[in-house]
Amino acid sequence: MEIYHPSMNDILAEEIGRAIDNSIQIHEVIPLAGGSINTAIQLKTNHGSYFAKYNSHDKYKGMFELEAKNLEILNGTRTLHVPQIISVFTYEDLDFLVLEYIQSGSPHYEFWTDLGFGLAHQHKNQSPTFGLQYNNYIGSLPQTNEPSDTWIKFFVEKRLEPMLKMAVDSGKADIFLVEKFESLYRKLGDIFPPEPACLLHGDLWSGNIMSNVDGDPVVYDPAIYYGHREMDIAMSKLFGGFEVEFYDAYNEVYPLEPHWEQRMQICNLYPLLVHVNLFVGSYIQSIKNIVNRY
């Protein structure tokens, strides 16, 4: 998957040029670290820098087109800043997504407050049904978004069940865990308070947020759908949690229902199952610890 030969750079320059300026010339290609699914690079050009990532066309069909749709929808809310889309294209056996390059900087003193305000306003974009009009990805796994009228039905049938089945099929989960989940399903109606279907980022952990050079929050790599808004809040706590100012600001704009902290582990069963299916580690034990309480 070599990127540095001239013909590839010419193709990238041509695609960026169609969107920005036909005089684009790529001066330097810099590999970037951090991606576990795609190869990421910074393109330095005569018109500034751009971010690009690429992967196998046959392995992750349509991933970048779907990510671009996700970003367009989030951008349309005019709430949190997301990278602007430059180009999505296929060259030979590779798919490419080119975005604006966002230079990172130190968060300003209201970073977490602004992130909380922004997410709360994003969640006020709502739908009559839970789900989305198209399927997308969570990490490298397909995410089914077929709409449902109720959150419980959607959460069970389109979130927990597909990931649990995948874990069983791969030998990472057994029938005893399935039985525990089935017991939990019967109690979910009493656990979750009624909520409208809110536009979620869908993968809101610390690795998918950053601060730009002005110190403002930027979110990226979304896995959007319309769901229970506590899913985003829970995901923010899964790997350490955001600063307290984030939760205070969110609750100021769009107060969470009482006892929301007690529902976080239930919400995080979905991303934990995703991690079970993607990685090795102790995630399955974390899931067992949660469902055993119910």
C-alpha atoms as a PDB file:
ATOM      1  CA  MET A   1       0.000   0.000   0.000  1.00  0.00           C
ATOM      2  CA  GLU A   2       2.861   2.364  -0.861  1.00  0.00           C
ATOM      3  CA  ILE A   3       1.819   5.997  -1.177  1.00  0.00           C
ATOM      4  CA  TYR A   4       4.998   7.758  -2.139  1.00  0.00           C
ATOM      5  CA  HIS A   5       5.392   7.035  -5.837  1.00  0.00           C
ATOM      6  CA  PRO A   6       4.758  10.048  -8.117  1.00  0.00           C
ATOM      7  CA  SER A   7       1.705   8.676  -9.905  1.00  0.00           C
ATOM      8  CA  MET A   8      -0.168   8.329  -6.602  1.00  0.00           C
ATOM      9  CA  ASN A   9       0.716  11.877  -5.633  1.00  0.00           C
ATOM     10  CA  ASP A  10      -0.502  13.076  -9.016  1.00  0.00           C
ATOM     11  CA  ILE A  11      -3.852  11.370  -8.473  1.00  0.00           C
ATOM     12  CA  LEU A  12      -4.179  12.902  -4.997  1.00  0.00           C
ATOM     13  CA  ALA A  13      -3.298  16.336  -6.334  1.00  0.00           C
ATOM     14  CA  GLU A  14      -5.825  15.972  -9.145  1.00  0.00           C
ATOM     15  CA  GLU A  15      -8.619  14.955  -6.765  1.00  0.00           C
ATOM     16  CA  ILE A  16      -7.858  17.750  -4.303  1.00  0.00           C
ATOM     17  CA  GLY A  17      -7.565  20.173  -7.197  1.00  0.00           C
ATOM     18  CA  ARG A  18     -11.076  19.404  -8.385  1.00  0.00           C
ATOM     19  CA  ALA A  19     -12.410  20.502  -5.006  1.00  0.00           C
ATOM     20  CA  ILE A  20      -9.999  23.319  -4.137  1.00  0.00           C
ATOM     21  CA  ASP A  21      -7.795  24.633  -6.912  1.00  0.00           C
ATOM     22  CA  ASN A  22      -6.479  23.042 -10.085  1.00  0.00           C
ATOM     23  CA  SER A  23      -2.987  24.345  -9.372  1.00  0.00           C
ATOM     24  CA  ILE A  24      -2.512  22.050  -6.337  1.00  0.00           C
ATOM     25  CA  GLN A  25       0.959  20.549  -6.118  1.00  0.00           C
ATOM     26  CA  ILE A  26       1.990  18.084  -3.396  1.00  0.00           C
ATOM     27  CA  HIS A  27       5.353  18.972  -1.911  1.00  0.00           C
ATOM     28  CA  GLU A  28       5.595  16.415   0.881  1.00  0.00           C
ATOM     29  CA  VAL A  29       3.768  13.351   2.196  1.00  0.00           C
ATOM     30  CA  ILE A  30       4.098  12.719   5.938  1.00  0.00           C
ATOM     31  CA  PRO A  31       2.919   9.443   7.517  1.00  0.00           C
ATOM     32  CA  LEU A  32       0.725   9.935  10.577  1.00  0.00           C
ATOM     33  CA  ALA A  33       0.391   7.589  13.529  1.00  0.00           C
ATOM     34  CA  GLY A  34      -2.704   6.536  15.429  1.00  0.00           C
ATOM     35  CA  GLY A  35      -4.963   4.730  12.972  1.00  0.00           C
ATOM     36  CA  SER A  36      -5.656   1.030  13.544  1.00  0.00           C
ATOM     37  CA  ILE A  37      -7.856   0.586  10.452  1.00  0.00           C
ATOM     38  CA  ASN A  38      -6.580   3.009   7.821  1.00  0.00           C
ATOM     39  CA  THR A  39      -3.247   4.443   6.772  1.00  0.00           C
ATOM     40  CA  ALA A  40      -3.180   8.184   7.468  1.00  0.00           C
ATOM     41  CA  ILE A  41      -0.987  10.855   5.883  1.00  0.00           C
ATOM     42  CA  GLN A  42      -0.530  14.606   5.869  1.00  0.00           C
ATOM     43  CA  LEU A  43      -0.213  16.185   2.445  1.00  0.00           C
ATOM     44  CA  LYS A  44       1.785  19.397   2.311  1.00  0.00           C
ATOM     45  CA  THR A  45       0.913  21.382  -0.809  1.00  0.00           C
ATOM     46  CA  ASN A  46       1.322  24.822  -2.299  1.00  0.00           C
ATOM     47  CA  HIS A  47      -2.170  25.566  -0.935  1.00  0.00           C
ATOM     48  CA  GLY A  48      -1.537  24.378   2.618  1.00  0.00           C
ATOM     49  CA  SER A  49      -1.906  20.974   4.242  1.00  0.00           C
ATOM     50  CA  TYR A  50      -4.570  18.299   3.893  1.00  0.00           C
ATOM     51  CA  PHE A  51      -5.292  15.106   5.776  1.00  0.00           C
ATOM     52  CA  ALA A  52      -5.840  11.889   3.845  1.00  0.00           C
ATOM     53  CA  LYS A  53      -6.442   8.285   4.781  1.00  0.00           C
ATOM     54  CA  TYR A  54      -6.777   5.195   2.656  1.00  0.00           C
ATOM     55  CA  ASN A  55      -7.545   1.488   2.892  1.00  0.00           C
ATOM     56  CA  SER A  56      -8.382  -1.537   0.778  1.00  0.00           C
ATOM     57  CA  HIS A  57     -11.384  -1.041  -1.480  1.00  0.00           C
ATOM     58  CA  ASP A  58     -12.389  -4.712  -1.164  1.00  0.00           C
ATOM     59  CA  LYS A  59     -11.979  -4.973   2.619  1.00  0.00           C
ATOM     60  CA  TYR A  60     -14.046  -1.964   3.771  1.00  0.00           C
ATOM     61  CA  LYS A  61     -16.534  -1.288   1.011  1.00  0.00           C
ATOM     62  CA  GLY A  62     -18.005   2.189   1.116  1.00  0.00           C
ATOM     63  CA  MET A  63     -16.425   3.097   4.461  1.00  0.00           C
ATOM     64  CA  PHE A  64     -15.210   6.537   3.391  1.00  0.00           C
ATOM     65  CA  GLU A  65     -18.375   7.473   1.513  1.00  0.00           C
ATOM     66  CA  LEU A  66     -20.313   6.664   4.674  1.00  0.00           C
ATOM     67  CA  GLU A  67     -17.893   8.566   6.870  1.00  0.00           C
ATOM     68  CA  ALA A  68     -18.256  11.576   4.593  1.00  0.00           C
ATOM     69  CA  LYS A  69     -22.062  11.358   4.926  1.00  0.00           C
ATOM     70  CA  ASN A  70     -21.684  11.172   8.700  1.00  0.00           C
ATOM     71  CA  LEU A  71     -19.488  14.269   8.723  1.00  0.00           C
ATOM     72  CA  GLU A  72     -21.862  16.163   6.440  1.00  0.00           C
ATOM     73  CA  ILE A  73     -24.784  15.477   8.759  1.00  0.00           C
ATOM     74  CA  LEU A  74     -22.851  16.551  11.840  1.00  0.00           C
ATOM     75  CA  ASN A  75     -21.561  19.644  10.064  1.00  0.00           C
ATOM     76  CA  GLY A  76     -25.123  20.520   9.103  1.00  0.00           C
ATOM     77  CA  THR A  77     -26.082  20.885  12.773  1.00  0.00           C
ATOM     78  CA  ARG A  78     -23.662  23.836  13.151  1.00  0.00           C
ATOM     79  CA  THR A  79     -22.789  22.682  16.663  1.00  0.00           C
ATOM     80  CA  LEU A  80     -19.394  21.019  17.101  1.00  0.00           C
ATOM     81  CA  HIS A  81     -16.603  21.526  14.581  1.00  0.00           C
ATOM     82  CA  VAL A  82     -15.843  18.544  12.349  1.00  0.00           C
ATOM     83  CA  PRO A  83     -13.252  18.266   9.546  1.00  0.00           C
ATOM     84  CA  GLN A  84     -14.405  19.576   6.191  1.00  0.00           C
ATOM     85  CA  ILE A  85     -14.590  17.014   3.388  1.00  0.00           C
ATOM     86  CA  ILE A  86     -12.348  17.637   0.382  1.00  0.00           C
ATOM     87  CA  SER A  87     -12.665  14.440  -1.651  1.00  0.00           C
ATOM     88  CA  VAL A  88     -13.683  10.782  -1.577  1.00  0.00           C
ATOM     89  CA  PHE A  89     -12.388   8.609  -4.399  1.00  0.00           C
ATOM     90  CA  THR A  90     -11.041   5.214  -5.445  1.00  0.00           C
ATOM     91  CA  TYR A  91      -7.723   4.673  -7.182  1.00  0.00           C
ATOM     92  CA  GLU A  92      -6.940   1.135  -8.358  1.00  0.00           C
ATOM     93  CA  ASP A  93      -7.607  -1.064  -5.289  1.00  0.00           C
ATOM     94  CA  LEU A  94      -7.502   1.734  -2.706  1.00  0.00           C
ATOM     95  CA  ASP A  95     -10.209   4.023  -1.314  1.00  0.00           C
ATOM     96  CA  PHE A  96      -9.261   7.523  -0.189  1.00  0.00           C
ATOM     97  CA  LEU A  97     -10.819  10.167   2.029  1.00  0.00           C
ATOM     98  CA  VAL A  98      -9.266  13.640   1.955  1.00  0.00           C
ATOM     99  CA  LEU A  99     -10.198  16.140   4.664  1.00  0.00           C
ATOM    100  CA  GLU A 100      -9.026  19.525   5.809  1.00  0.00           C
ATOM    101  CA  TYR A 101      -5.882  19.229   7.904  1.00  0.00           C
ATOM    102  CA  ILE A 102      -6.529  20.457  11.443  1.00  0.00           C
ATOM    103  CA  GLN A 103      -3.406  21.493  13.290  1.00  0.00           C
ATOM    104  CA  SER A 104      -3.621  20.489  16.919  1.00  0.00           C
ATOM    105  CA  GLY A 105      -3.104  22.931  19.751  1.00  0.00           C
ATOM    106  CA  SER A 106      -3.508  23.208  23.499  1.00  0.00           C
ATOM    107  CA  PRO A 107      -7.127  23.252  24.729  1.00  0.00           C
ATOM    108  CA  HIS A 108      -8.238  26.651  25.954  1.00  0.00           C
ATOM    109  CA  TYR A 109      -9.668  27.032  29.446  1.00  0.00           C
ATOM    110  CA  GLU A 110     -13.275  26.577  28.241  1.00  0.00           C
ATOM    111  CA  PHE A 111     -12.532  23.604  25.981  1.00  0.00           C
ATOM    112  CA  TRP A 112     -14.553  21.063  27.991  1.00  0.00           C
ATOM    113  CA  THR A 113     -17.374  23.527  28.573  1.00  0.00           C
ATOM    114  CA  ASP A 114     -17.603  24.259  24.861  1.00  0.00           C
ATOM    115  CA  LEU A 115     -17.550  20.541  24.068  1.00  0.00           C
ATOM    116  CA  GLY A 116     -20.401  19.915  26.514  1.00  0.00           C
ATOM    117  CA  PHE A 117     -22.453  22.836  25.174  1.00  0.00           C
ATOM    118  CA  GLY A 118     -21.851  21.714  21.585  1.00  0.00           C
ATOM    119  CA  LEU A 119     -22.835  18.103  22.174  1.00  0.00           C
ATOM    120  CA  ALA A 120     -25.988  19.113  24.032  1.00  0.00           C
ATOM    121  CA  HIS A 121     -27.069  21.304  21.114  1.00  0.00           C
ATOM    122  CA  GLN A 122     -26.182  18.524  18.658  1.00  0.00           C
ATOM    123  CA  HIS A 123     -28.441  16.153  20.612  1.00  0.00           C
ATOM    124  CA  LYS A 124     -31.336  18.547  20.150  1.00  0.00           C
ATOM    125  CA  ASN A 125     -31.338  17.465  16.493  1.00  0.00           C
ATOM    126  CA  GLN A 126     -33.887  14.668  16.745  1.00  0.00           C
ATOM    127  CA  SER A 127     -35.793  12.094  14.709  1.00  0.00           C
ATOM    128  CA  PRO A 128     -39.181  10.359  15.106  1.00  0.00           C
ATOM    129  CA  THR A 129     -37.406   6.982  14.922  1.00  0.00           C
ATOM    130  CA  PHE A 130     -34.244   5.436  16.317  1.00  0.00           C
ATOM    131  CA  GLY A 131     -31.615   4.536  13.731  1.00  0.00           C
ATOM    132  CA  LEU A 132     -30.608   6.114  10.444  1.00  0.00           C
ATOM    133  CA  GLN A 133     -31.562   5.940   6.782  1.00  0.00           C
ATOM    134  CA  TYR A 134     -28.318   4.154   5.934  1.00  0.00           C
ATOM    135  CA  ASN A 135     -25.957   1.701   7.602  1.00  0.00           C
ATOM    136  CA  ASN A 136     -22.411   2.685   8.457  1.00  0.00           C
ATOM    137  CA  TYR A 137     -19.419   1.489  10.472  1.00  0.00           C
ATOM    138  CA  ILE A 138     -18.336   1.465  14.108  1.00  0.00           C
ATOM    139  CA  GLY A 139     -14.574   1.158  13.833  1.00  0.00           C
ATOM    140  CA  SER A 140     -14.104  -1.431  11.102  1.00  0.00           C
ATOM    141  CA  LEU A 141     -17.314  -3.312  11.927  1.00  0.00           C
ATOM    142  CA  PRO A 142     -20.578  -2.812  10.027  1.00  0.00           C
ATOM    143  CA  GLN A 143     -23.192  -0.958  12.060  1.00  0.00           C
ATOM    144  CA  THR A 144     -26.840  -1.666  11.235  1.00  0.00           C
ATOM    145  CA  ASN A 145     -29.134   1.356  11.550  1.00  0.00           C
ATOM    146  CA  GLU A 146     -32.494   0.064  10.322  1.00  0.00           C
ATOM    147  CA  PRO A 147     -34.978   2.372  12.108  1.00  0.00           C
ATOM    148  CA  SER A 148     -37.086   1.254  15.058  1.00  0.00           C
ATOM    149  CA  ASP A 149     -39.948   3.002  16.817  1.00  0.00           C
ATOM    150  CA  THR A 150     -38.553   2.424  20.309  1.00  0.00           C
ATOM    151  CA  TRP A 151     -35.111   2.741  21.832  1.00  0.00           C
ATOM    152  CA  ILE A 152     -35.272  -0.636  23.592  1.00  0.00           C
ATOM    153  CA  LYS A 153     -36.086  -2.481  20.361  1.00  0.00           C
ATOM    154  CA  PHE A 154     -33.321  -0.671  18.493  1.00  0.00           C
ATOM    155  CA  PHE A 155     -30.763  -1.115  21.283  1.00  0.00           C
ATOM    156  CA  VAL A 156     -31.400  -4.850  21.541  1.00  0.00           C
ATOM    157  CA  GLU A 157     -31.904  -5.770  17.882  1.00  0.00           C
ATOM    158  CA  LYS A 158     -29.525  -3.374  16.122  1.00  0.00           C
ATOM    159  CA  ARG A 159     -26.809  -2.841  18.718  1.00  0.00           C
ATOM    160  CA  LEU A 160     -26.393  -5.597  21.297  1.00  0.00           C
ATOM    161  CA  GLU A 161     -27.636  -8.671  19.424  1.00  0.00           C
ATOM    162  CA  PRO A 162     -25.462  -8.347  16.285  1.00  0.00           C
ATOM    163  CA  MET A 163     -22.288  -7.795  18.312  1.00  0.00           C
ATOM    164  CA  LEU A 164     -23.122 -10.548  20.788  1.00  0.00           C
ATOM    165  CA  LYS A 165     -23.754 -12.997  17.940  1.00  0.00           C
ATOM    166  CA  MET A 166     -20.424 -12.065  16.387  1.00  0.00           C
ATOM    167  CA  ALA A 167     -18.696 -12.704  19.703  1.00  0.00           C
ATOM    168  CA  VAL A 168     -20.412 -16.092  20.063  1.00  0.00           C
ATOM    169  CA  ASP A 169     -19.567 -17.097  16.497  1.00  0.00           C
ATOM    170  CA  SER A 170     -15.893 -16.309  17.102  1.00  0.00           C
ATOM    171  CA  GLY A 171     -15.806 -18.222  20.375  1.00  0.00           C
ATOM    172  CA  LYS A 172     -15.296 -15.127  22.541  1.00  0.00           C
ATOM    173  CA  ALA A 173     -18.705 -15.465  24.241  1.00  0.00           C
ATOM    174  CA  ASP A 174     -20.711 -18.514  25.305  1.00  0.00           C
ATOM    175  CA  ILE A 175     -24.336 -19.522  25.831  1.00  0.00           C
ATOM    176  CA  PHE A 176     -24.193 -18.540  29.495  1.00  0.00           C
ATOM    177  CA  LEU A 177     -23.419 -14.937  28.548  1.00  0.00           C
ATOM    178  CA  VAL A 178     -26.223 -15.012  25.965  1.00  0.00           C
ATOM    179  CA  GLU A 179     -28.643 -16.094  28.697  1.00  0.00           C
ATOM    180  CA  LYS A 180     -27.480 -13.218  30.899  1.00  0.00           C
ATOM    181  CA  PHE A 181     -28.140 -10.768  28.064  1.00  0.00           C
ATOM    182  CA  GLU A 182     -31.588 -12.226  27.451  1.00  0.00           C
ATOM    183  CA  SER A 183     -32.403 -11.665  31.105  1.00  0.00           C
ATOM    184  CA  LEU A 184     -31.135  -8.087  30.847  1.00  0.00           C
ATOM    185  CA  TYR A 185     -33.281  -7.403  27.764  1.00  0.00           C
ATOM    186  CA  ARG A 186     -36.442  -8.017  29.779  1.00  0.00           C
ATOM    187  CA  LYS A 187     -35.434  -5.313  32.254  1.00  0.00           C
ATOM    188  CA  LEU A 188     -34.340  -2.571  29.859  1.00  0.00           C
ATOM    189  CA  GLY A 189     -37.789  -0.989  29.699  1.00  0.00           C
ATOM    190  CA  ASP A 190     -37.528  -0.267  33.413  1.00  0.00           C
ATOM    191  CA  ILE A 191     -33.915   0.904  33.202  1.00  0.00           C
ATOM    192  CA  PHE A 192     -34.069   3.529  30.436  1.00  0.00           C
ATOM    193  CA  PRO A 193     -36.345   6.560  30.807  1.00  0.00           C
ATOM    194  CA  PRO A 194     -38.262   7.572  27.658  1.00  0.00           C
ATOM    195  CA  GLU A 195     -36.162   9.864  25.468  1.00  0.00           C
ATOM    196  CA  PRO A 196     -36.426  11.204  21.921  1.00  0.00           C
ATOM    197  CA  ALA A 197     -34.077   9.846  19.270  1.00  0.00           C
ATOM    198  CA  CYS A 198     -31.132  12.269  19.268  1.00  0.00           C
ATOM    199  CA  LEU A 199     -28.371  12.667  16.701  1.00  0.00           C
ATOM    200  CA  LEU A 200     -25.363  10.919  18.232  1.00  0.00           C
ATOM    201  CA  HIS A 201     -21.692  11.078  17.365  1.00  0.00           C
ATOM    202  CA  GLY A 202     -21.728   7.358  18.044  1.00  0.00           C
ATOM    203  CA  ASP A 203     -18.047   6.871  18.925  1.00  0.00           C
ATOM    204  CA  LEU A 204     -17.378   9.715  21.329  1.00  0.00           C
ATOM    205  CA  TRP A 205     -14.249   8.777  23.238  1.00  0.00           C
ATOM    206  CA  SER A 206     -11.128  10.792  23.924  1.00  0.00           C
ATOM    207  CA  GLY A 207      -9.361   9.408  20.849  1.00  0.00           C
ATOM    208  CA  ASN A 208     -11.956  11.026  18.581  1.00  0.00           C
ATOM    209  CA  ILE A 209     -11.725  14.567  19.933  1.00  0.00           C
ATOM    210  CA  MET A 210      -8.956  17.129  19.683  1.00  0.00           C
ATOM    211  CA  SER A 211      -8.300  20.826  20.095  1.00  0.00           C
ATOM    212  CA  ASN A 212      -7.319  22.968  17.127  1.00  0.00           C
ATOM    213  CA  VAL A 213      -4.717  25.733  17.148  1.00  0.00           C
ATOM    214  CA  ASP A 214      -7.261  28.081  18.727  1.00  0.00           C
ATOM    215  CA  GLY A 215      -7.893  25.572  21.499  1.00  0.00           C
ATOM    216  CA  ASP A 216     -11.446  24.839  20.325  1.00  0.00           C
ATOM    217  CA  PRO A 217     -12.902  21.290  20.368  1.00  0.00           C
ATOM    218  CA  VAL A 218     -13.054  19.263  17.157  1.00  0.00           C
ATOM    219  CA  VAL A 219     -14.696  15.845  16.838  1.00  0.00           C
ATOM    220  CA  TYR A 220     -14.051  13.294  14.110  1.00  0.00           C
ATOM    221  CA  ASP A 221     -14.437   9.608  13.120  1.00  0.00           C
ATOM    222  CA  PRO A 222     -18.188   9.586  13.846  1.00  0.00           C
ATOM    223  CA  ALA A 223     -20.445   6.524  13.740  1.00  0.00           C
ATOM    224  CA  ILE A 224     -23.681   8.504  13.759  1.00  0.00           C
ATOM    225  CA  TYR A 225     -27.262   7.415  14.264  1.00  0.00           C
ATOM    226  CA  TYR A 226     -30.324   8.682  16.109  1.00  0.00           C
ATOM    227  CA  GLY A 227     -30.345   7.060  19.514  1.00  0.00           C
ATOM    228  CA  HIS A 228     -30.623   7.532  23.244  1.00  0.00           C
ATOM    229  CA  ARG A 229     -28.359  10.459  24.064  1.00  0.00           C
ATOM    230  CA  GLU A 230     -26.900   8.701  27.094  1.00  0.00           C
ATOM    231  CA  MET A 231     -24.987   6.478  24.647  1.00  0.00           C
ATOM    232  CA  ASP A 232     -22.677   9.383  23.788  1.00  0.00           C
ATOM    233  CA  ILE A 233     -22.374  10.405  27.429  1.00  0.00           C
ATOM    234  CA  ALA A 234     -21.538   6.833  28.437  1.00  0.00           C
ATOM    235  CA  MET A 235     -18.959   6.440  25.674  1.00  0.00           C
ATOM    236  CA  SER A 236     -17.220   9.581  26.931  1.00  0.00           C
ATOM    237  CA  LYS A 237     -16.689   7.782  30.260  1.00  0.00           C
ATOM    238  CA  LEU A 238     -15.596   4.410  28.914  1.00  0.00           C
ATOM    239  CA  PHE A 239     -11.859   5.075  28.776  1.00  0.00           C
ATOM    240  CA  GLY A 240     -11.282   7.465  31.642  1.00  0.00           C
ATOM    241  CA  GLY A 241     -13.984  10.072  31.133  1.00  0.00           C
ATOM    242  CA  PHE A 242     -13.953  13.698  30.111  1.00  0.00           C
ATOM    243  CA  GLU A 243     -13.421  16.555  32.541  1.00  0.00           C
ATOM    244  CA  VAL A 244     -16.260  17.426  34.916  1.00  0.00           C
ATOM    245  CA  GLU A 245     -16.819  20.748  33.106  1.00  0.00           C
ATOM    246  CA  PHE A 246     -18.041  18.793  30.080  1.00  0.00           C
ATOM    247  CA  TYR A 247     -20.851  17.103  32.019  1.00  0.00           C
ATOM    248  CA  ASP A 248     -21.761  20.294  33.892  1.00  0.00           C
ATOM    249  CA  ALA A 249     -22.060  22.240  30.645  1.00  0.00           C
ATOM    250  CA  TYR A 250     -24.078  19.489  28.951  1.00  0.00           C
ATOM    251  CA  ASN A 251     -26.539  19.367  31.835  1.00  0.00           C
ATOM    252  CA  GLU A 252     -26.887  23.137  31.791  1.00  0.00           C
ATOM    253  CA  VAL A 253     -28.133  23.050  28.191  1.00  0.00           C
ATOM    254  CA  TYR A 254     -29.935  19.681  28.074  1.00  0.00           C
ATOM    255  CA  PRO A 255     -30.260  18.143  31.550  1.00  0.00           C
ATOM    256  CA  LEU A 256     -29.910  14.376  31.721  1.00  0.00           C
ATOM    257  CA  GLU A 257     -32.620  12.348  33.403  1.00  0.00           C
ATOM    258  CA  PRO A 258     -32.115  11.428  37.093  1.00  0.00           C
ATOM    259  CA  HIS A 259     -29.780   8.508  37.845  1.00  0.00           C
ATOM    260  CA  TRP A 260     -28.091   8.771  34.448  1.00  0.00           C
ATOM    261  CA  GLU A 261     -24.763   7.757  35.983  1.00  0.00           C
ATOM    262  CA  GLN A 262     -26.249   4.374  36.923  1.00  0.00           C
ATOM    263  CA  ARG A 263     -27.140   3.636  33.285  1.00  0.00           C
ATOM    264  CA  MET A 264     -23.687   4.290  31.853  1.00  0.00           C
ATOM    265  CA  GLN A 265     -22.492   0.702  32.130  1.00  0.00           C
ATOM    266  CA  ILE A 266     -25.588  -0.606  30.340  1.00  0.00           C
ATOM    267  CA  CYS A 267     -25.010   1.862  27.503  1.00  0.00           C
ATOM    268  CA  ASN A 268     -21.364   0.856  27.268  1.00  0.00           C
ATOM    269  CA  LEU A 269     -22.194  -2.800  26.683  1.00  0.00           C
ATOM    270  CA  TYR A 270     -22.359  -1.903  22.995  1.00  0.00           C
ATOM    271  CA  PRO A 271     -18.881  -0.368  22.606  1.00  0.00           C
ATOM    272  CA  LEU A 272     -17.462  -3.071  24.883  1.00  0.00           C
ATOM    273  CA  LEU A 273     -18.896  -5.745  22.602  1.00  0.00           C
ATOM    274  CA  VAL A 274     -17.396  -3.892  19.649  1.00  0.00           C
ATOM    275  CA  HIS A 275     -14.008  -4.043  21.378  1.00  0.00           C
ATOM    276  CA  VAL A 276     -14.448  -7.740  22.116  1.00  0.00           C
ATOM    277  CA  ASN A 277     -14.939  -8.350  18.397  1.00  0.00           C
ATOM    278  CA  LEU A 278     -12.094  -6.092  17.273  1.00  0.00           C
ATOM    279  CA  PHE A 279      -9.349  -6.640  19.827  1.00  0.00           C
ATOM    280  CA  VAL A 280      -7.910  -9.026  22.376  1.00  0.00           C
ATOM    281  CA  GLY A 281      -8.066  -8.050  26.018  1.00  0.00           C
ATOM    282  CA  SER A 282     -10.237  -8.157  29.108  1.00  0.00           C
ATOM    283  CA  TYR A 283     -13.331  -6.604  27.521  1.00  0.00           C
ATOM    284  CA  ILE A 284     -15.390  -9.797  27.772  1.00  0.00           C
ATOM    285  CA  GLN A 285     -14.817  -9.907  31.525  1.00  0.00           C
ATOM    286  CA  SER A 286     -15.958  -6.289  31.811  1.00  0.00           C
ATOM    287  CA  ILE A 287     -19.167  -7.260  30.000  1.00  0.00           C
ATOM    288  CA  LYS A 288     -19.729 -10.233  32.294  1.00  0.00           C
ATOM    289  CA  ASN A 289     -19.261  -8.014  35.335  1.00  0.00           C
ATOM    290  CA  ILE A 290     -21.987  -5.671  34.079  1.00  0.00           C
ATOM    291  CA  VAL A 291     -24.625  -8.198  33.008  1.00  0.00           C
ATOM    292  CA  ASN A 292     -24.124 -10.271  36.159  1.00  0.00           C
ATOM    293  CA  ARG A 293     -25.600  -7.374  38.105  1.00  0.00           C
ATOM    294  CA  TYR A 294     -28.911  -7.792  36.284  1.00  0.00           C
END
